[in-house]
Amino acid sequence: MALQENRNEAVKSHAEDISLIHPPSLEKIRLRAYEIHLERGGFPGHELDDWLLAEFELQHAAPPKAQKFPVTGRTE
């Protein structure tokens, strides 16, 4: 069980490293900033705040593939 936990931590750490190497695209940031803008009620005046929050959220989110596929122990 400890081996599997160590493996899961290693995969999680690797996924975080990858997200730092490949920052989110400008298009993804733009779309998330627009979502934040709408969630706030669509009022103007917070464009920079929306952009920076979107960029932060996307940079610190685990990649979708890493969330979908859990690491399982191999039986040989």
PDB file of N, CA and C in Angstrom:
ATOM      1  N   MET A   1       0.824  -1.191   0.000  1.00  0.00           N
ATOM      2  CA  MET A   1       0.000   0.000   0.000  1.00  0.00           C
ATOM      3  C   MET A   1       0.872   1.261   0.000  1.00  0.00           C
ATOM      4  N   ALA A   2       1.952   1.249   0.775  1.00  0.00           N
ATOM      5  CA  ALA A   2       2.843   2.404   0.830  1.00  0.00           C
ATOM      6  C   ALA A   2       3.481   2.660  -0.531  1.00  0.00           C
ATOM      7  N   LEU A   3       3.799   1.592  -1.257  1.00  0.00           N
ATOM      8  CA  LEU A   3       4.392   1.743  -2.583  1.00  0.00           C
ATOM      9  C   LEU A   3       3.432   2.472  -3.516  1.00  0.00           C
ATOM     10  N   GLN A   4       2.158   2.117  -3.463  1.00  0.00           N
ATOM     11  CA  GLN A   4       1.176   2.768  -4.326  1.00  0.00           C
ATOM     12  C   GLN A   4       1.014   4.238  -3.939  1.00  0.00           C
ATOM     13  N   GLU A   5       1.028   4.553  -2.652  1.00  0.00           N
ATOM     14  CA  GLU A   5       0.918   5.943  -2.225  1.00  0.00           C
ATOM     15  C   GLU A   5       2.116   6.749  -2.713  1.00  0.00           C
ATOM     16  N   ASN A   6       3.316   6.167  -2.618  1.00  0.00           N
ATOM     17  CA  ASN A   6       4.512   6.850  -3.120  1.00  0.00           C
ATOM     18  C   ASN A   6       4.418   7.087  -4.620  1.00  0.00           C
ATOM     19  N   ARG A   7       3.906   6.092  -5.332  1.00  0.00           N
ATOM     20  CA  ARG A   7       3.756   6.202  -6.787  1.00  0.00           C
ATOM     21  C   ARG A   7       2.753   7.311  -7.120  1.00  0.00           C
ATOM     22  N   ASN A   8       1.636   7.365  -6.366  1.00  0.00           N
ATOM     23  CA  ASN A   8       0.640   8.409  -6.609  1.00  0.00           C
ATOM     24  C   ASN A   8       1.227   9.793  -6.360  1.00  0.00           C
ATOM     25  N   GLU A   9       2.030   9.944  -5.321  1.00  0.00           N
ATOM     26  CA  GLU A   9       2.669  11.221  -5.027  1.00  0.00           C
ATOM     27  C   GLU A   9       3.635  11.608  -6.145  1.00  0.00           C
ATOM     28  N   ALA A  10       4.365  10.631  -6.657  1.00  0.00           N
ATOM     29  CA  ALA A  10       5.318  10.903  -7.735  1.00  0.00           C
ATOM     30  C   ALA A  10       4.584  11.366  -8.987  1.00  0.00           C
ATOM     31  N   VAL A  11       3.471  10.725  -9.304  1.00  0.00           N
ATOM     32  CA  VAL A  11       2.691  11.108 -10.484  1.00  0.00           C
ATOM     33  C   VAL A  11       2.110  12.500 -10.285  1.00  0.00           C
ATOM     34  N   LYS A  12       1.590  12.785  -9.104  1.00  0.00           N
ATOM     35  CA  LYS A  12       1.025  14.101  -8.823  1.00  0.00           C
ATOM     36  C   LYS A  12       2.105  15.168  -8.953  1.00  0.00           C
ATOM     37  N   SER A  13       3.273  14.906  -8.402  1.00  0.00           N
ATOM     38  CA  SER A  13       4.367  15.853  -8.484  1.00  0.00           C
ATOM     39  C   SER A  13       4.775  16.076  -9.929  1.00  0.00           C
ATOM     40  N   HIS A  14       4.832  14.999 -10.717  1.00  0.00           N
ATOM     41  CA  HIS A  14       5.199  15.100 -12.129  1.00  0.00           C
ATOM     42  C   HIS A  14       4.154  15.922 -12.884  1.00  0.00           C
ATOM     43  N   ALA A  15       2.873  15.705 -12.580  1.00  0.00           N
ATOM     44  CA  ALA A  15       1.815  16.456 -13.253  1.00  0.00           C
ATOM     45  C   ALA A  15       1.943  17.940 -12.954  1.00  0.00           C
ATOM     46  N   GLU A  16       2.275  18.289 -11.714  1.00  0.00           N
ATOM     47  CA  GLU A  16       2.464  19.690 -11.371  1.00  0.00           C
ATOM     48  C   GLU A  16       3.669  20.268 -12.108  1.00  0.00           C
ATOM     49  N   ASP A  17       4.744  19.475 -12.238  1.00  0.00           N
ATOM     50  CA  ASP A  17       5.928  19.935 -12.963  1.00  0.00           C
ATOM     51  C   ASP A  17       5.588  20.207 -14.418  1.00  0.00           C
ATOM     52  N   ILE A  18       4.799  19.348 -15.034  1.00  0.00           N
ATOM     53  CA  ILE A  18       4.426  19.512 -16.442  1.00  0.00           C
ATOM     54  C   ILE A  18       3.627  20.793 -16.625  1.00  0.00           C
ATOM     55  N   SER A  19       2.713  21.085 -15.682  1.00  0.00           N
ATOM     56  CA  SER A  19       1.904  22.291 -15.826  1.00  0.00           C
ATOM     57  C   SER A  19       2.764  23.544 -15.763  1.00  0.00           C
ATOM     58  N   LEU A  20       3.899  23.478 -15.077  1.00  0.00           N
ATOM     59  CA  LEU A  20       4.798  24.625 -15.039  1.00  0.00           C
ATOM     60  C   LEU A  20       5.586  24.758 -16.332  1.00  0.00           C
ATOM     61  N   ILE A  21       5.892  23.630 -16.964  1.00  0.00           N
ATOM     62  CA  ILE A  21       6.640  23.646 -18.215  1.00  0.00           C
ATOM     63  C   ILE A  21       5.762  24.139 -19.370  1.00  0.00           C
ATOM     64  N   HIS A  22       4.506  23.726 -19.371  1.00  0.00           N
ATOM     65  CA  HIS A  22       3.571  24.078 -20.436  1.00  0.00           C
ATOM     66  C   HIS A  22       2.481  24.979 -19.865  1.00  0.00           C
ATOM     67  N   PRO A  23       2.711  26.285 -19.864  1.00  0.00           N
ATOM     68  CA  PRO A  23       1.693  27.183 -19.322  1.00  0.00           C
ATOM     69  C   PRO A  23       0.422  27.136 -20.170  1.00  0.00           C
ATOM     70  N   PRO A  24      -0.704  27.510 -19.587  1.00  0.00           N
ATOM     71  CA  PRO A  24      -1.951  27.479 -20.356  1.00  0.00           C
ATOM     72  C   PRO A  24      -1.879  28.448 -21.536  1.00  0.00           C
ATOM     73  N   SER A  25      -2.579  28.097 -22.585  1.00  0.00           N
ATOM     74  CA  SER A  25      -2.574  28.946 -23.778  1.00  0.00           C
ATOM     75  C   SER A  25      -3.341  30.237 -23.504  1.00  0.00           C
ATOM     76  N   LEU A  26      -3.057  31.241 -24.291  1.00  0.00           N
ATOM     77  CA  LEU A  26      -3.758  32.516 -24.152  1.00  0.00           C
ATOM     78  C   LEU A  26      -5.254  32.338 -24.379  1.00  0.00           C
ATOM     79  N   GLU A  27      -5.614  31.434 -25.270  1.00  0.00           N
ATOM     80  CA  GLU A  27      -7.032  31.178 -25.546  1.00  0.00           C
ATOM     81  C   GLU A  27      -7.733  30.602 -24.311  1.00  0.00           C
ATOM     82  N   LYS A  28      -7.091  29.664 -23.626  1.00  0.00           N
ATOM     83  CA  LYS A  28      -7.687  29.089 -22.415  1.00  0.00           C
ATOM     84  C   LYS A  28      -7.818  30.146 -21.323  1.00  0.00           C
ATOM     85  N   ILE A  29      -6.808  30.984 -21.187  1.00  0.00           N
ATOM     86  CA  ILE A  29      -6.864  32.048 -20.187  1.00  0.00           C
ATOM     87  C   ILE A  29      -7.994  33.021 -20.536  1.00  0.00           C
ATOM     88  N   ARG A  30      -8.090  33.365 -21.809  1.00  0.00           N
ATOM     89  CA  ARG A  30      -9.138  34.291 -22.252  1.00  0.00           C
ATOM     90  C   ARG A  30     -10.524  33.737 -21.954  1.00  0.00           C
ATOM     91  N   LEU A  31     -10.732  32.464 -22.264  1.00  0.00           N
ATOM     92  CA  LEU A  31     -12.045  31.856 -22.018  1.00  0.00           C
ATOM     93  C   LEU A  31     -12.372  31.796 -20.534  1.00  0.00           C
ATOM     94  N   ARG A  32     -11.368  31.429 -19.712  1.00  0.00           N
ATOM     95  CA  ARG A  32     -11.622  31.367 -18.270  1.00  0.00           C
ATOM     96  C   ARG A  32     -11.854  32.764 -17.705  1.00  0.00           C
ATOM     97  N   ALA A  33     -11.125  33.758 -18.191  1.00  0.00           N
ATOM     98  CA  ALA A  33     -11.338  35.139 -17.736  1.00  0.00           C
ATOM     99  C   ALA A  33     -12.754  35.601 -18.080  1.00  0.00           C
ATOM    100  N   TYR A  34     -13.233  35.212 -19.251  1.00  0.00           N
ATOM    101  CA  TYR A  34     -14.603  35.568 -19.639  1.00  0.00           C
ATOM    102  C   TYR A  34     -15.624  34.877 -18.736  1.00  0.00           C
ATOM    103  N   GLU A  35     -15.370  33.622 -18.394  1.00  0.00           N
ATOM    104  CA  GLU A  35     -16.263  32.915 -17.461  1.00  0.00           C
ATOM    105  C   GLU A  35     -16.304  33.635 -16.112  1.00  0.00           C
ATOM    106  N   ILE A  36     -15.143  34.043 -15.626  1.00  0.00           N
ATOM    107  CA  ILE A  36     -15.067  34.760 -14.346  1.00  0.00           C
ATOM    108  C   ILE A  36     -15.838  36.077 -14.456  1.00  0.00           C
ATOM    109  N   HIS A  37     -15.672  36.768 -15.573  1.00  0.00           N
ATOM    110  CA  HIS A  37     -16.391  38.020 -15.831  1.00  0.00           C
ATOM    111  C   HIS A  37     -17.904  37.791 -15.751  1.00  0.00           C
ATOM    112  N   LEU A  38     -18.378  36.724 -16.374  1.00  0.00           N
ATOM    113  CA  LEU A  38     -19.815  36.418 -16.336  1.00  0.00           C
ATOM    114  C   LEU A  38     -20.267  36.035 -14.930  1.00  0.00           C
ATOM    115  N   GLU A  39     -19.437  35.261 -14.220  1.00  0.00           N
ATOM    116  CA  GLU A  39     -19.779  34.857 -12.859  1.00  0.00           C
ATOM    117  C   GLU A  39     -19.901  36.076 -11.938  1.00  0.00           C
ATOM    118  N   ARG A  40     -19.155  37.123 -12.231  1.00  0.00           N
ATOM    119  CA  ARG A  40     -19.172  38.351 -11.452  1.00  0.00           C
ATOM    120  C   ARG A  40     -20.353  39.235 -11.817  1.00  0.00           C
ATOM    121  N   GLY A  41     -21.121  38.854 -12.802  1.00  0.00           N
ATOM    122  CA  GLY A  41     -22.286  39.628 -13.214  1.00  0.00           C
ATOM    123  C   GLY A  41     -22.106  40.349 -14.539  1.00  0.00           C
ATOM    124  N   GLY A  42     -20.937  40.240 -15.146  1.00  0.00           N
ATOM    125  CA  GLY A  42     -20.704  40.837 -16.452  1.00  0.00           C
ATOM    126  C   GLY A  42     -20.444  42.329 -16.429  1.00  0.00           C
ATOM    127  N   PHE A  43     -20.172  42.893 -15.263  1.00  0.00           N
ATOM    128  CA  PHE A  43     -19.910  44.321 -15.179  1.00  0.00           C
ATOM    129  C   PHE A  43     -18.459  44.618 -15.546  1.00  0.00           C
ATOM    130  N   PRO A  44     -18.226  45.687 -16.308  1.00  0.00           N
ATOM    131  CA  PRO A  44     -16.865  46.036 -16.714  1.00  0.00           C
ATOM    132  C   PRO A  44     -16.063  46.632 -15.562  1.00  0.00           C
ATOM    133  N   GLY A  45     -14.744  46.703 -15.780  1.00  0.00           N
ATOM    134  CA  GLY A  45     -13.883  47.375 -14.819  1.00  0.00           C
ATOM    135  C   GLY A  45     -12.947  46.456 -14.063  1.00  0.00           C
ATOM    136  N   HIS A  46     -13.041  45.147 -14.281  1.00  0.00           N
ATOM    137  CA  HIS A  46     -12.178  44.202 -13.564  1.00  0.00           C
ATOM    138  C   HIS A  46     -11.469  43.258 -14.534  1.00  0.00           C
ATOM    139  N   GLU A  47     -11.211  43.749 -15.729  1.00  0.00           N
ATOM    140  CA  GLU A  47     -10.628  42.899 -16.767  1.00  0.00           C
ATOM    141  C   GLU A  47      -9.293  42.312 -16.339  1.00  0.00           C
ATOM    142  N   LEU A  48      -8.426  43.149 -15.790  1.00  0.00           N
ATOM    143  CA  LEU A  48      -7.104  42.667 -15.379  1.00  0.00           C
ATOM    144  C   LEU A  48      -7.223  41.656 -14.242  1.00  0.00           C
ATOM    145  N   ASP A  49      -8.083  41.938 -13.278  1.00  0.00           N
ATOM    146  CA  ASP A  49      -8.291  40.996 -12.175  1.00  0.00           C
ATOM    147  C   ASP A  49      -8.804  39.658 -12.687  1.00  0.00           C
ATOM    148  N   ASP A  50      -9.755  39.697 -13.627  1.00  0.00           N
ATOM    149  CA  ASP A  50     -10.306  38.466 -14.197  1.00  0.00           C
ATOM    150  C   ASP A  50      -9.218  37.668 -14.916  1.00  0.00           C
ATOM    151  N   TRP A  51      -8.394  38.386 -15.681  1.00  0.00           N
ATOM    152  CA  TRP A  51      -7.316  37.732 -16.439  1.00  0.00           C
ATOM    153  C   TRP A  51      -6.305  37.077 -15.492  1.00  0.00           C
ATOM    154  N   LEU A  52      -5.875  37.821 -14.478  1.00  0.00           N
ATOM    155  CA  LEU A  52      -4.870  37.294 -13.554  1.00  0.00           C
ATOM    156  C   LEU A  52      -5.413  36.106 -12.752  1.00  0.00           C
ATOM    157  N   LEU A  53      -6.675  36.167 -12.358  1.00  0.00           N
ATOM    158  CA  LEU A  53      -7.272  35.049 -11.637  1.00  0.00           C
ATOM    159  C   LEU A  53      -7.377  33.824 -12.542  1.00  0.00           C
ATOM    160  N   ALA A  54      -7.793  34.026 -13.778  1.00  0.00           N
ATOM    161  CA  ALA A  54      -7.892  32.915 -14.730  1.00  0.00           C
ATOM    162  C   ALA A  54      -6.522  32.285 -14.960  1.00  0.00           C
ATOM    163  N   GLU A  55      -5.517  33.109 -15.143  1.00  0.00           N
ATOM    164  CA  GLU A  55      -4.159  32.619 -15.367  1.00  0.00           C
ATOM    165  C   GLU A  55      -3.678  31.816 -14.155  1.00  0.00           C
ATOM    166  N   PHE A  56      -3.922  32.326 -12.956  1.00  0.00           N
ATOM    167  CA  PHE A  56      -3.520  31.632 -11.735  1.00  0.00           C
ATOM    168  C   PHE A  56      -4.232  30.282 -11.610  1.00  0.00           C
ATOM    169  N   GLU A  57      -5.547  30.282 -11.817  1.00  0.00           N
ATOM    170  CA  GLU A  57      -6.322  29.035 -11.711  1.00  0.00           C
ATOM    171  C   GLU A  57      -5.807  27.975 -12.678  1.00  0.00           C
ATOM    172  N   LEU A  58      -5.578  28.376 -13.913  1.00  0.00           N
ATOM    173  CA  LEU A  58      -5.144  27.414 -14.928  1.00  0.00           C
ATOM    174  C   LEU A  58      -3.718  26.926 -14.698  1.00  0.00           C
ATOM    175  N   GLN A  59      -2.866  27.773 -14.179  1.00  0.00           N
ATOM    176  CA  GLN A  59      -1.488  27.360 -13.922  1.00  0.00           C
ATOM    177  C   GLN A  59      -1.391  26.401 -12.744  1.00  0.00           C
ATOM    178  N   HIS A  60      -2.320  26.489 -11.813  1.00  0.00           N
ATOM    179  CA  HIS A  60      -2.257  25.661 -10.621  1.00  0.00           C
ATOM    180  C   HIS A  60      -3.226  24.495 -10.636  1.00  0.00           C
ATOM    181  N   ALA A  61      -3.908  24.302 -11.735  1.00  0.00           N
ATOM    182  CA  ALA A  61      -4.819  23.165 -11.864  1.00  0.00           C
ATOM    183  C   ALA A  61      -4.053  21.973 -12.418  1.00  0.00           C
ATOM    184  N   ALA A  62      -4.398  20.781 -11.938  1.00  0.00           N
ATOM    185  CA  ALA A  62      -3.779  19.563 -12.474  1.00  0.00           C
ATOM    186  C   ALA A  62      -4.273  19.358 -13.902  1.00  0.00           C
ATOM    187  N   PRO A  63      -3.439  18.846 -14.771  1.00  0.00           N
ATOM    188  CA  PRO A  63      -3.871  18.568 -16.141  1.00  0.00           C
ATOM    189  C   PRO A  63      -5.052  17.601 -16.142  1.00  0.00           C
ATOM    190  N   PRO A  64      -6.022  17.807 -17.023  1.00  0.00           N
ATOM    191  CA  PRO A  64      -7.217  16.947 -17.037  1.00  0.00           C
ATOM    192  C   PRO A  64      -6.907  15.457 -17.160  1.00  0.00           C
ATOM    193  N   LYS A  65      -5.921  15.066 -17.958  1.00  0.00           N
ATOM    194  CA  LYS A  65      -5.615  13.647 -18.116  1.00  0.00           C
ATOM    195  C   LYS A  65      -5.154  13.033 -16.798  1.00  0.00           C
ATOM    196  N   ALA A  66      -4.416  13.776 -16.012  1.00  0.00           N
ATOM    197  CA  ALA A  66      -3.937  13.254 -14.739  1.00  0.00           C
ATOM    198  C   ALA A  66      -5.095  13.039 -13.770  1.00  0.00           C
ATOM    199  N   GLN A  67      -6.141  13.805 -13.896  1.00  0.00           N
ATOM    200  CA  GLN A  67      -7.299  13.654 -13.018  1.00  0.00           C
ATOM    201  C   GLN A  67      -8.158  12.473 -13.444  1.00  0.00           C
ATOM    202  N   LYS A  68      -8.212  12.159 -14.730  1.00  0.00           N
ATOM    203  CA  LYS A  68      -9.092  11.111 -15.240  1.00  0.00           C
ATOM    204  C   LYS A  68      -8.566   9.704 -14.992  1.00  0.00           C
ATOM    205  N   PHE A  69      -7.263   9.534 -15.042  1.00  0.00           N
ATOM    206  CA  PHE A  69      -6.692   8.202 -15.011  1.00  0.00           C
ATOM    207  C   PHE A  69      -5.892   7.968 -13.720  1.00  0.00           C
ATOM    208  N   PRO A  70      -6.489   7.262 -12.770  1.00  0.00           N
ATOM    209  CA  PRO A  70      -5.755   7.003 -11.537  1.00  0.00           C
ATOM    210  C   PRO A  70      -4.615   6.017 -11.780  1.00  0.00           C
ATOM    211  N   VAL A  71      -3.590   6.139 -11.000  1.00  0.00           N
ATOM    212  CA  VAL A  71      -2.452   5.228 -11.089  1.00  0.00           C
ATOM    213  C   VAL A  71      -2.780   3.987 -10.285  1.00  0.00           C
ATOM    214  N   THR A  72      -2.633   2.845 -10.900  1.00  0.00           N
ATOM    215  CA  THR A  72      -2.891   1.598 -10.201  1.00  0.00           C
ATOM    216  C   THR A  72      -1.621   0.771 -10.172  1.00  0.00           C
ATOM    217  N   GLY A  73      -1.525  -0.060  -9.165  1.00  0.00           N
ATOM    218  CA  GLY A  73      -0.342  -0.929  -9.063  1.00  0.00           C
ATOM    219  C   GLY A  73      -0.363  -1.999 -10.135  1.00  0.00           C
ATOM    220  N   ARG A  74       0.793  -2.331 -10.626  1.00  0.00           N
ATOM    221  CA  ARG A  74       0.914  -3.376 -11.658  1.00  0.00           C
ATOM    222  C   ARG A  74       1.074  -4.717 -10.974  1.00  0.00           C
ATOM    223  N   THR A  75       0.379  -5.686 -11.476  1.00  0.00           N
ATOM    224  CA  THR A  75       0.547  -7.053 -10.967  1.00  0.00           C
ATOM    225  C   THR A  75       1.265  -7.854 -12.023  1.00  0.00           C
ATOM    226  N   GLU A  76       2.354  -8.425 -11.653  1.00  0.00           N
ATOM    227  CA  GLU A  76       3.150  -9.170 -12.637  1.00  0.00           C
ATOM    228  C   GLU A  76       3.262 -10.617 -12.210  1.00  0.00           C
TER     229      GLU A  76
END
